[in-house]
């Protein structure tokens, strides 16, 4: 089956939002099999997050809605993998650019 297999998002959320609860909500989105949330920046009012979501036919609109309904904003989509399998890229190729 095709569809979104992985999406990596750079997200800002209000600091009063629980990352555990956000991960649980994202884990219930159609097609999602795994969620990883890493805090990359903390401020009094905002947390910077990298959110990695993997699955089979991930409902991106559902993911976006949950983030936005939680008061968050997607700053960028840093990676999207679509297709029959997850295609990995050599990080060295990115650093050489």
PDB file of N, CA and C in Angstrom:
ATOM      1  N   UNK A   1       0.841  -1.186   0.000  1.00  0.00           N
ATOM      2  CA  UNK A   1       0.000   0.000   0.000  1.00  0.00           C
ATOM      3  C   UNK A   1       0.878   1.239   0.000  1.00  0.00           C
ATOM      4  N   UNK A   2       0.434   2.298  -0.645  1.00  0.00           N
ATOM      5  CA  UNK A   2       1.175   3.548  -0.705  1.00  0.00           C
ATOM      6  C   UNK A   2       0.721   4.520   0.361  1.00  0.00           C
ATOM      7  N   UNK A   3       0.781   5.792   0.033  1.00  0.00           N
ATOM      8  CA  UNK A   3       0.397   6.819   0.990  1.00  0.00           C
ATOM      9  C   UNK A   3       1.581   7.268   1.821  1.00  0.00           C
ATOM     10  N   UNK A   4       1.309   8.167   2.757  1.00  0.00           N
ATOM     11  CA  UNK A   4       2.375   8.706   3.604  1.00  0.00           C
ATOM     12  C   UNK A   4       2.836   7.647   4.593  1.00  0.00           C
ATOM     13  N   UNK A   5       4.124   7.376   4.563  1.00  0.00           N
ATOM     14  CA  UNK A   5       4.751   6.430   5.496  1.00  0.00           C
ATOM     15  C   UNK A   5       5.419   7.144   6.663  1.00  0.00           C
ATOM     16  N   UNK A   6       6.006   8.311   6.388  1.00  0.00           N
ATOM     17  CA  UNK A   6       6.680   9.085   7.442  1.00  0.00           C
ATOM     18  C   UNK A   6       6.545  10.562   7.124  1.00  0.00           C
ATOM     19  N   UNK A   7       6.335  11.341   8.175  1.00  0.00           N
ATOM     20  CA  UNK A   7       6.368  12.793   8.051  1.00  0.00           C
ATOM     21  C   UNK A   7       7.107  13.332   9.274  1.00  0.00           C
ATOM     22  N   UNK A   8       8.027  14.272   9.020  1.00  0.00           N
ATOM     23  CA  UNK A   8       8.802  14.911  10.083  1.00  0.00           C
ATOM     24  C   UNK A   8       8.428  16.387  10.079  1.00  0.00           C
ATOM     25  N   UNK A   9       7.936  16.853  11.225  1.00  0.00           N
ATOM     26  CA  UNK A   9       7.420  18.211  11.339  1.00  0.00           C
ATOM     27  C   UNK A   9       8.194  19.012  12.375  1.00  0.00           C
ATOM     28  N   UNK A  10       8.438  20.273  12.065  1.00  0.00           N
ATOM     29  CA  UNK A  10       8.987  21.238  13.017  1.00  0.00           C
ATOM     30  C   UNK A  10       7.784  22.033  13.516  1.00  0.00           C
ATOM     31  N   UNK A  11       7.493  21.906  14.814  1.00  0.00           N
ATOM     32  CA  UNK A  11       6.243  22.427  15.365  1.00  0.00           C
ATOM     33  C   UNK A  11       6.520  23.281  16.597  1.00  0.00           C
ATOM     34  N   UNK A  12       5.753  24.347  16.760  1.00  0.00           N
ATOM     35  CA  UNK A  12       5.730  25.126  17.997  1.00  0.00           C
ATOM     36  C   UNK A  12       4.376  24.907  18.659  1.00  0.00           C
ATOM     37  N   UNK A  13       4.396  24.640  19.984  1.00  0.00           N
ATOM     38  CA  UNK A  13       3.152  24.518  20.741  1.00  0.00           C
ATOM     39  C   UNK A  13       3.267  25.364  22.006  1.00  0.00           C
ATOM     40  N   UNK A  14       2.130  25.767  22.565  1.00  0.00           N
ATOM     41  CA  UNK A  14       2.178  26.472  23.847  1.00  0.00           C
ATOM     42  C   UNK A  14       2.812  25.573  24.913  1.00  0.00           C
ATOM     43  N   UNK A  15       3.585  26.163  25.815  1.00  0.00           N
ATOM     44  CA  UNK A  15       4.317  25.367  26.803  1.00  0.00           C
ATOM     45  C   UNK A  15       3.404  24.691  27.820  1.00  0.00           C
ATOM     46  N   UNK A  16       2.137  25.102  27.894  1.00  0.00           N
ATOM     47  CA  UNK A  16       1.228  24.450  28.833  1.00  0.00           C
ATOM     48  C   UNK A  16       0.569  23.197  28.254  1.00  0.00           C
ATOM     49  N   UNK A  17       0.878  22.849  27.020  1.00  0.00           N
ATOM     50  CA  UNK A  17       0.334  21.645  26.383  1.00  0.00           C
ATOM     51  C   UNK A  17       1.227  20.456  26.726  1.00  0.00           C
ATOM     52  N   UNK A  18       0.620  19.349  27.124  1.00  0.00           N
ATOM     53  CA  UNK A  18       1.364  18.135  27.450  1.00  0.00           C
ATOM     54  C   UNK A  18       1.816  17.433  26.168  1.00  0.00           C
ATOM     55  N   UNK A  19       3.120  17.197  26.053  1.00  0.00           N
ATOM     56  CA  UNK A  19       3.615  16.469  24.880  1.00  0.00           C
ATOM     57  C   UNK A  19       3.145  15.015  24.906  1.00  0.00           C
ATOM     58  N   UNK A  20       2.942  14.463  26.099  1.00  0.00           N
ATOM     59  CA  UNK A  20       2.436  13.088  26.212  1.00  0.00           C
ATOM     60  C   UNK A  20       1.021  13.011  25.640  1.00  0.00           C
ATOM     61  N   UNK A  21       0.167  13.944  26.051  1.00  0.00           N
ATOM     62  CA  UNK A  21      -1.207  13.947  25.538  1.00  0.00           C
ATOM     63  C   UNK A  21      -1.239  14.210  24.034  1.00  0.00           C
ATOM     64  N   UNK A  22      -0.381  15.109  23.563  1.00  0.00           N
ATOM     65  CA  UNK A  22      -0.313  15.382  22.127  1.00  0.00           C
ATOM     66  C   UNK A  22       0.094  14.124  21.368  1.00  0.00           C
ATOM     67  N   UNK A  23       1.101  13.414  21.869  1.00  0.00           N
ATOM     68  CA  UNK A  23       1.547  12.177  21.215  1.00  0.00           C
ATOM     69  C   UNK A  23       0.429  11.139  21.189  1.00  0.00           C
ATOM     70  N   UNK A  24      -0.303  11.021  22.291  1.00  0.00           N
ATOM     71  CA  UNK A  24      -1.404  10.053  22.337  1.00  0.00           C
ATOM     72  C   UNK A  24      -2.490  10.404  21.324  1.00  0.00           C
ATOM     73  N   UNK A  25      -2.825  11.689  21.218  1.00  0.00           N
ATOM     74  CA  UNK A  25      -3.830  12.111  20.235  1.00  0.00           C
ATOM     75  C   UNK A  25      -3.351  11.835  18.814  1.00  0.00           C
ATOM     76  N   UNK A  26      -2.094  12.162  18.528  1.00  0.00           N
ATOM     77  CA  UNK A  26      -1.549  11.912  17.189  1.00  0.00           C
ATOM     78  C   UNK A  26      -1.516  10.420  16.885  1.00  0.00           C
ATOM     79  N   UNK A  27      -1.268   9.601  17.898  1.00  0.00           N
ATOM     80  CA  UNK A  27      -1.231   8.153  17.717  1.00  0.00           C
ATOM     81  C   UNK A  27      -2.571   7.558  17.333  1.00  0.00           C
ATOM     82  N   UNK A  28      -3.647   8.292  17.566  1.00  0.00           N
ATOM     83  CA  UNK A  28      -4.984   7.812  17.215  1.00  0.00           C
ATOM     84  C   UNK A  28      -5.430   8.241  15.813  1.00  0.00           C
ATOM     85  N   UNK A  29      -4.620   9.029  15.128  1.00  0.00           N
ATOM     86  CA  UNK A  29      -4.965   9.467  13.768  1.00  0.00           C
ATOM     87  C   UNK A  29      -4.905   8.269  12.823  1.00  0.00           C
ATOM     88  N   UNK A  30      -5.795   8.248  11.867  1.00  0.00           N
ATOM     89  CA  UNK A  30      -5.857   7.159  10.892  1.00  0.00           C
ATOM     90  C   UNK A  30      -4.509   6.949  10.199  1.00  0.00           C
ATOM     91  N   UNK A  31      -4.060   5.704  10.181  1.00  0.00           N
ATOM     92  CA  UNK A  31      -2.824   5.333   9.499  1.00  0.00           C
ATOM     93  C   UNK A  31      -1.570   5.454  10.340  1.00  0.00           C
ATOM     94  N   UNK A  32      -1.647   6.094  11.502  1.00  0.00           N
ATOM     95  CA  UNK A  32      -0.457   6.300  12.335  1.00  0.00           C
ATOM     96  C   UNK A  32      -0.146   5.032  13.123  1.00  0.00           C
ATOM     97  N   UNK A  33       1.117   4.592  13.037  1.00  0.00           N
ATOM     98  CA  UNK A  33       1.589   3.420  13.784  1.00  0.00           C
ATOM     99  C   UNK A  33       2.546   3.809  14.901  1.00  0.00           C
ATOM    100  N   UNK A  34       3.250   4.946  14.757  1.00  0.00           N
ATOM    101  CA  UNK A  34       4.224   5.370  15.769  1.00  0.00           C
ATOM    102  C   UNK A  34       4.388   6.882  15.732  1.00  0.00           C
ATOM    103  N   UNK A  35       4.610   7.461  16.931  1.00  0.00           N
ATOM    104  CA  UNK A  35       4.828   8.902  17.070  1.00  0.00           C
ATOM    105  C   UNK A  35       6.033   9.117  17.971  1.00  0.00           C
ATOM    106  N   UNK A  36       6.929  10.012  17.559  1.00  0.00           N
ATOM    107  CA  UNK A  36       8.070  10.414  18.382  1.00  0.00           C
ATOM    108  C   UNK A  36       8.047  11.932  18.454  1.00  0.00           C
ATOM    109  N   UNK A  37       7.987  12.454  19.681  1.00  0.00           N
ATOM    110  CA  UNK A  37       8.047  13.905  19.880  1.00  0.00           C
ATOM    111  C   UNK A  37       9.306  14.215  20.668  1.00  0.00           C
ATOM    112  N   UNK A  38      10.143  15.076  20.114  1.00  0.00           N
ATOM    113  CA  UNK A  38      11.371  15.515  20.774  1.00  0.00           C
ATOM    114  C   UNK A  38      11.300  17.021  20.970  1.00  0.00           C
ATOM    115  N   UNK A  39      11.514  17.458  22.220  1.00  0.00           N
ATOM    116  CA  UNK A  39      11.547  18.892  22.512  1.00  0.00           C
ATOM    117  C   UNK A  39      12.922  19.418  22.114  1.00  0.00           C
ATOM    118  N   UNK A  40      12.932  20.419  21.236  1.00  0.00           N
ATOM    119  CA  UNK A  40      14.194  20.981  20.746  1.00  0.00           C
ATOM    120  C   UNK A  40      14.476  22.369  21.292  1.00  0.00           C
ATOM    121  N   UNK A  41      13.426  23.017  21.826  1.00  0.00           N
ATOM    122  CA  UNK A  41      13.599  24.372  22.341  1.00  0.00           C
ATOM    123  C   UNK A  41      12.513  24.640  23.371  1.00  0.00           C
ATOM    124  N   UNK A  42      12.888  25.293  24.465  1.00  0.00           N
ATOM    125  CA  UNK A  42      11.904  25.646  25.482  1.00  0.00           C
ATOM    126  C   UNK A  42      11.957  27.142  25.743  1.00  0.00           C
ATOM    127  N   UNK A  43      10.787  27.694  25.930  1.00  0.00           N
ATOM    128  CA  UNK A  43      10.634  29.108  26.246  1.00  0.00           C
ATOM    129  C   UNK A  43       9.540  29.178  27.308  1.00  0.00           C
ATOM    130  N   UNK A  44       9.338  30.326  27.875  1.00  0.00           N
ATOM    131  CA  UNK A  44       8.297  30.474  28.891  1.00  0.00           C
ATOM    132  C   UNK A  44       6.925  30.145  28.309  1.00  0.00           C
ATOM    133  N   UNK A  45       6.682  30.548  27.073  1.00  0.00           N
ATOM    134  CA  UNK A  45       5.358  30.381  26.478  1.00  0.00           C
ATOM    135  C   UNK A  45       5.276  29.328  25.380  1.00  0.00           C
ATOM    136  N   UNK A  46       6.416  28.925  24.817  1.00  0.00           N
ATOM    137  CA  UNK A  46       6.397  28.053  23.630  1.00  0.00           C
ATOM    138  C   UNK A  46       7.419  26.928  23.759  1.00  0.00           C
ATOM    139  N   UNK A  47       7.023  25.743  23.282  1.00  0.00           N
ATOM    140  CA  UNK A  47       7.954  24.625  23.131  1.00  0.00           C
ATOM    141  C   UNK A  47       8.194  24.404  21.646  1.00  0.00           C
ATOM    142  N   UNK A  48       9.444  24.231  21.259  1.00  0.00           N
ATOM    143  CA  UNK A  48       9.778  23.836  19.895  1.00  0.00           C
ATOM    144  C   UNK A  48       9.903  22.324  19.863  1.00  0.00           C
ATOM    145  N   UNK A  49       9.266  21.693  18.899  1.00  0.00           N
ATOM    146  CA  UNK A  49       9.238  20.235  18.813  1.00  0.00           C
ATOM    147  C   UNK A  49       9.633  19.758  17.425  1.00  0.00           C
ATOM    148  N   UNK A  50      10.247  18.581  17.386  1.00  0.00           N
ATOM    149  CA  UNK A  50      10.343  17.808  16.150  1.00  0.00           C
ATOM    150  C   UNK A  50       9.417  16.615  16.358  1.00  0.00           C
ATOM    151  N   UNK A  51       8.445  16.472  15.477  1.00  0.00           N
ATOM    152  CA  UNK A  51       7.488  15.371  15.571  1.00  0.00           C
ATOM    153  C   UNK A  51       7.705  14.455  14.377  1.00  0.00           C
ATOM    154  N   UNK A  52       8.000  13.188  14.671  1.00  0.00           N
ATOM    155  CA  UNK A  52       8.167  12.170  13.637  1.00  0.00           C
ATOM    156  C   UNK A  52       6.980  11.223  13.746  1.00  0.00           C
ATOM    157  N   UNK A  53       6.279  11.054  12.635  1.00  0.00           N
ATOM    158  CA  UNK A  53       5.116  10.172  12.593  1.00  0.00           C
ATOM    159  C   UNK A  53       5.347   9.160  11.490  1.00  0.00           C
ATOM    160  N   UNK A  54       5.156   7.880  11.830  1.00  0.00           N
ATOM    161  CA  UNK A  54       5.273   6.819  10.831  1.00  0.00           C
ATOM    162  C   UNK A  54       4.010   5.980  10.837  1.00  0.00           C
ATOM    163  N   UNK A  55       3.719   5.405   9.689  1.00  0.00           N
ATOM    164  CA  UNK A  55       2.555   4.549   9.584  1.00  0.00           C
ATOM    165  C   UNK A  55       2.336   4.094   8.163  1.00  0.00           C
ATOM    166  N   UNK A  56       1.091   3.819   7.856  1.00  0.00           N
ATOM    167  CA  UNK A  56       0.712   3.330   6.538  1.00  0.00           C
ATOM    168  C   UNK A  56      -0.500   4.134   6.081  1.00  0.00           C
ATOM    169  N   UNK A  57      -0.277   5.077   5.193  1.00  0.00           N
ATOM    170  CA  UNK A  57      -1.368   5.942   4.754  1.00  0.00           C
ATOM    171  C   UNK A  57      -1.760   6.945   5.825  1.00  0.00           C
ATOM    172  N   UNK A  58      -0.767   7.606   6.415  1.00  0.00           N
ATOM    173  CA  UNK A  58      -1.006   8.580   7.481  1.00  0.00           C
ATOM    174  C   UNK A  58      -1.913   9.706   6.970  1.00  0.00           C
ATOM    175  N   UNK A  59      -2.936  10.023   7.742  1.00  0.00           N
ATOM    176  CA  UNK A  59      -3.866  11.106   7.420  1.00  0.00           C
ATOM    177  C   UNK A  59      -3.227  12.426   7.848  1.00  0.00           C
ATOM    178  N   UNK A  60      -2.516  13.083   6.919  1.00  0.00           N
ATOM    179  CA  UNK A  60      -1.802  14.321   7.253  1.00  0.00           C
ATOM    180  C   UNK A  60      -2.757  15.415   7.715  1.00  0.00           C
ATOM    181  N   UNK A  61      -3.921  15.526   7.092  1.00  0.00           N
ATOM    182  CA  UNK A  61      -4.881  16.552   7.511  1.00  0.00           C
ATOM    183  C   UNK A  61      -5.328  16.324   8.949  1.00  0.00           C
ATOM    184  N   UNK A  62      -5.486  15.063   9.336  1.00  0.00           N
ATOM    185  CA  UNK A  62      -5.834  14.743  10.719  1.00  0.00           C
ATOM    186  C   UNK A  62      -4.727  15.136  11.680  1.00  0.00           C
ATOM    187  N   UNK A  63      -3.483  14.895  11.285  1.00  0.00           N
ATOM    188  CA  UNK A  63      -2.323  15.293  12.091  1.00  0.00           C
ATOM    189  C   UNK A  63      -2.303  16.810  12.250  1.00  0.00           C
ATOM    190  N   UNK A  64      -2.451  17.514  11.153  1.00  0.00           N
ATOM    191  CA  UNK A  64      -2.421  18.978  11.169  1.00  0.00           C
ATOM    192  C   UNK A  64      -3.522  19.544  12.057  1.00  0.00           C
ATOM    193  N   UNK A  65      -4.724  18.975  11.952  1.00  0.00           N
ATOM    194  CA  UNK A  65      -5.853  19.452  12.761  1.00  0.00           C
ATOM    195  C   UNK A  65      -5.582  19.304  14.256  1.00  0.00           C
ATOM    196  N   UNK A  66      -5.039  18.166  14.659  1.00  0.00           N
ATOM    197  CA  UNK A  66      -4.756  17.944  16.083  1.00  0.00           C
ATOM    198  C   UNK A  66      -3.730  18.949  16.583  1.00  0.00           C
ATOM    199  N   UNK A  67      -2.691  19.178  15.804  1.00  0.00           N
ATOM    200  CA  UNK A  67      -1.663  20.150  16.208  1.00  0.00           C
ATOM    201  C   UNK A  67      -2.274  21.542  16.323  1.00  0.00           C
ATOM    202  N   UNK A  68      -3.032  21.949  15.332  1.00  0.00           N
ATOM    203  CA  UNK A  68      -3.635  23.286  15.342  1.00  0.00           C
ATOM    204  C   UNK A  68      -4.696  23.423  16.434  1.00  0.00           C
ATOM    205  N   UNK A  69      -5.505  22.375  16.653  1.00  0.00           N
ATOM    206  CA  UNK A  69      -6.522  22.419  17.707  1.00  0.00           C
ATOM    207  C   UNK A  69      -5.892  22.477  19.097  1.00  0.00           C
ATOM    208  N   UNK A  70      -4.643  22.046  19.209  1.00  0.00           N
ATOM    209  CA  UNK A  70      -3.906  22.111  20.477  1.00  0.00           C
ATOM    210  C   UNK A  70      -3.226  23.467  20.657  1.00  0.00           C
ATOM    211  N   UNK A  71      -3.412  24.362  19.703  1.00  0.00           N
ATOM    212  CA  UNK A  71      -2.793  25.683  19.775  1.00  0.00           C
ATOM    213  C   UNK A  71      -1.426  25.746  19.134  1.00  0.00           C
ATOM    214  N   UNK A  72      -1.039  24.664  18.457  1.00  0.00           N
ATOM    215  CA  UNK A  72       0.277  24.595  17.834  1.00  0.00           C
ATOM    216  C   UNK A  72       0.282  25.100  16.406  1.00  0.00           C
ATOM    217  N   UNK A  73       1.489  25.250  15.885  1.00  0.00           N
ATOM    218  CA  UNK A  73       1.680  25.683  14.501  1.00  0.00           C
ATOM    219  C   UNK A  73       2.797  24.864  13.875  1.00  0.00           C
ATOM    220  N   UNK A  74       2.555  24.359  12.679  1.00  0.00           N
ATOM    221  CA  UNK A  74       3.588  23.641  11.934  1.00  0.00           C
ATOM    222  C   UNK A  74       4.458  24.683  11.258  1.00  0.00           C
ATOM    223  N   UNK A  75       5.718  24.747  11.669  1.00  0.00           N
ATOM    224  CA  UNK A  75       6.655  25.719  11.085  1.00  0.00           C
ATOM    225  C   UNK A  75       7.179  25.231   9.750  1.00  0.00           C
ATOM    226  N   UNK A  76       7.426  23.915   9.658  1.00  0.00           N
ATOM    227  CA  UNK A  76       7.887  23.357   8.386  1.00  0.00           C
ATOM    228  C   UNK A  76       7.667  21.857   8.371  1.00  0.00           C
ATOM    229  N   UNK A  77       7.548  21.325   7.160  1.00  0.00           N
ATOM    230  CA  UNK A  77       7.534  19.882   6.935  1.00  0.00           C
ATOM    231  C   UNK A  77       8.942  19.547   6.474  1.00  0.00           C
ATOM    232  N   UNK A  78       9.714  18.898   7.347  1.00  0.00           N
ATOM    233  CA  UNK A  78      11.131  18.663   7.071  1.00  0.00           C
ATOM    234  C   UNK A  78      11.396  17.385   6.288  1.00  0.00           C
ATOM    235  N   UNK A  79      10.460  16.449   6.318  1.00  0.00           N
ATOM    236  CA  UNK A  79      10.630  15.222   5.535  1.00  0.00           C
ATOM    237  C   UNK A  79       9.269  14.579   5.327  1.00  0.00           C
ATOM    238  N   UNK A  80       9.069  14.042   4.136  1.00  0.00           N
ATOM    239  CA  UNK A  80       7.887  13.238   3.836  1.00  0.00           C
ATOM    240  C   UNK A  80       8.356  12.028   3.050  1.00  0.00           C
ATOM    241  N   UNK A  81       7.906  10.848   3.463  1.00  0.00           N
ATOM    242  CA  UNK A  81       8.214   9.621   2.734  1.00  0.00           C
ATOM    243  C   UNK A  81       6.880   8.993   2.332  1.00  0.00           C
ATOM    244  N   UNK A  82       6.738   8.721   1.042  1.00  0.00           N
ATOM    245  CA  UNK A  82       5.509   8.160   0.496  1.00  0.00           C
ATOM    246  C   UNK A  82       5.865   6.952  -0.348  1.00  0.00           C
ATOM    247  N   UNK A  83       5.045   5.910  -0.297  1.00  0.00           N
ATOM    248  CA  UNK A  83       5.252   4.776  -1.184  1.00  0.00           C
ATOM    249  C   UNK A  83       5.090   3.442  -0.492  1.00  0.00           C
ATOM    250  N   UNK A  84       5.614   2.426  -1.124  1.00  0.00           N
ATOM    251  CA  UNK A  84       5.492   1.056  -0.628  1.00  0.00           C
ATOM    252  C   UNK A  84       6.348   0.787   0.602  1.00  0.00           C
ATOM    253  N   UNK A  85       7.442   1.521   0.752  1.00  0.00           N
ATOM    254  CA  UNK A  85       8.344   1.316   1.893  1.00  0.00           C
ATOM    255  C   UNK A  85       9.000   2.644   2.237  1.00  0.00           C
ATOM    256  N   UNK A  86       9.678   2.679   3.399  1.00  0.00           N
ATOM    257  CA  UNK A  86      10.372   3.892   3.830  1.00  0.00           C
ATOM    258  C   UNK A  86      11.748   3.918   3.192  1.00  0.00           C
ATOM    259  N   UNK A  87      11.970   4.930   2.387  1.00  0.00           N
ATOM    260  CA  UNK A  87      13.238   5.113   1.696  1.00  0.00           C
ATOM    261  C   UNK A  87      14.113   6.021   2.548  1.00  0.00           C
ATOM    262  N   UNK A  88      15.223   5.487   3.040  1.00  0.00           N
ATOM    263  CA  UNK A  88      16.144   6.270   3.869  1.00  0.00           C
ATOM    264  C   UNK A  88      17.125   7.012   2.969  1.00  0.00           C
ATOM    265  N   UNK A  89      17.575   8.171   3.432  1.00  0.00           N
ATOM    266  CA  UNK A  89      18.569   8.947   2.702  1.00  0.00           C
ATOM    267  C   UNK A  89      19.827   9.027   3.545  1.00  0.00           C
ATOM    268  N   UNK A  90      20.959   8.984   2.889  1.00  0.00           N
ATOM    269  CA  UNK A  90      22.239   9.093   3.576  1.00  0.00           C
ATOM    270  C   UNK A  90      22.397  10.526   4.082  1.00  0.00           C
ATOM    271  N   UNK A  91      22.522  10.733   5.412  1.00  0.00           N
ATOM    272  CA  UNK A  91      22.659  12.095   5.945  1.00  0.00           C
ATOM    273  C   UNK A  91      23.854  12.850   5.371  1.00  0.00           C
ATOM    274  N   UNK A  92      24.875  12.137   4.930  1.00  0.00           N
ATOM    275  CA  UNK A  92      26.056  12.770   4.347  1.00  0.00           C
ATOM    276  C   UNK A  92      25.688  13.551   3.084  1.00  0.00           C
ATOM    277  N   UNK A  93      24.720  13.051   2.324  1.00  0.00           N
ATOM    278  CA  UNK A  93      24.289  13.745   1.109  1.00  0.00           C
ATOM    279  C   UNK A  93      23.703  15.114   1.432  1.00  0.00           C
ATOM    280  N   UNK A  94      23.000  15.211   2.545  1.00  0.00           N
ATOM    281  CA  UNK A  94      22.400  16.485   2.944  1.00  0.00           C
ATOM    282  C   UNK A  94      23.480  17.447   3.415  1.00  0.00           C
ATOM    283  N   UNK A  95      24.443  16.960   4.180  1.00  0.00           N
ATOM    284  CA  UNK A  95      25.505  17.819   4.712  1.00  0.00           C
ATOM    285  C   UNK A  95      26.400  18.373   3.616  1.00  0.00           C
ATOM    286  N   UNK A  96      26.543  17.645   2.513  1.00  0.00           N
ATOM    287  CA  UNK A  96      27.435  18.070   1.434  1.00  0.00           C
ATOM    288  C   UNK A  96      26.838  19.196   0.599  1.00  0.00           C
ATOM    289  N   UNK A  97      25.577  19.469   0.737  1.00  0.00           N
ATOM    290  CA  UNK A  97      24.909  20.495  -0.086  1.00  0.00           C
ATOM    291  C   UNK A  97      25.209  21.865   0.379  1.00  0.00           C
TER     292      UNK A  97
END
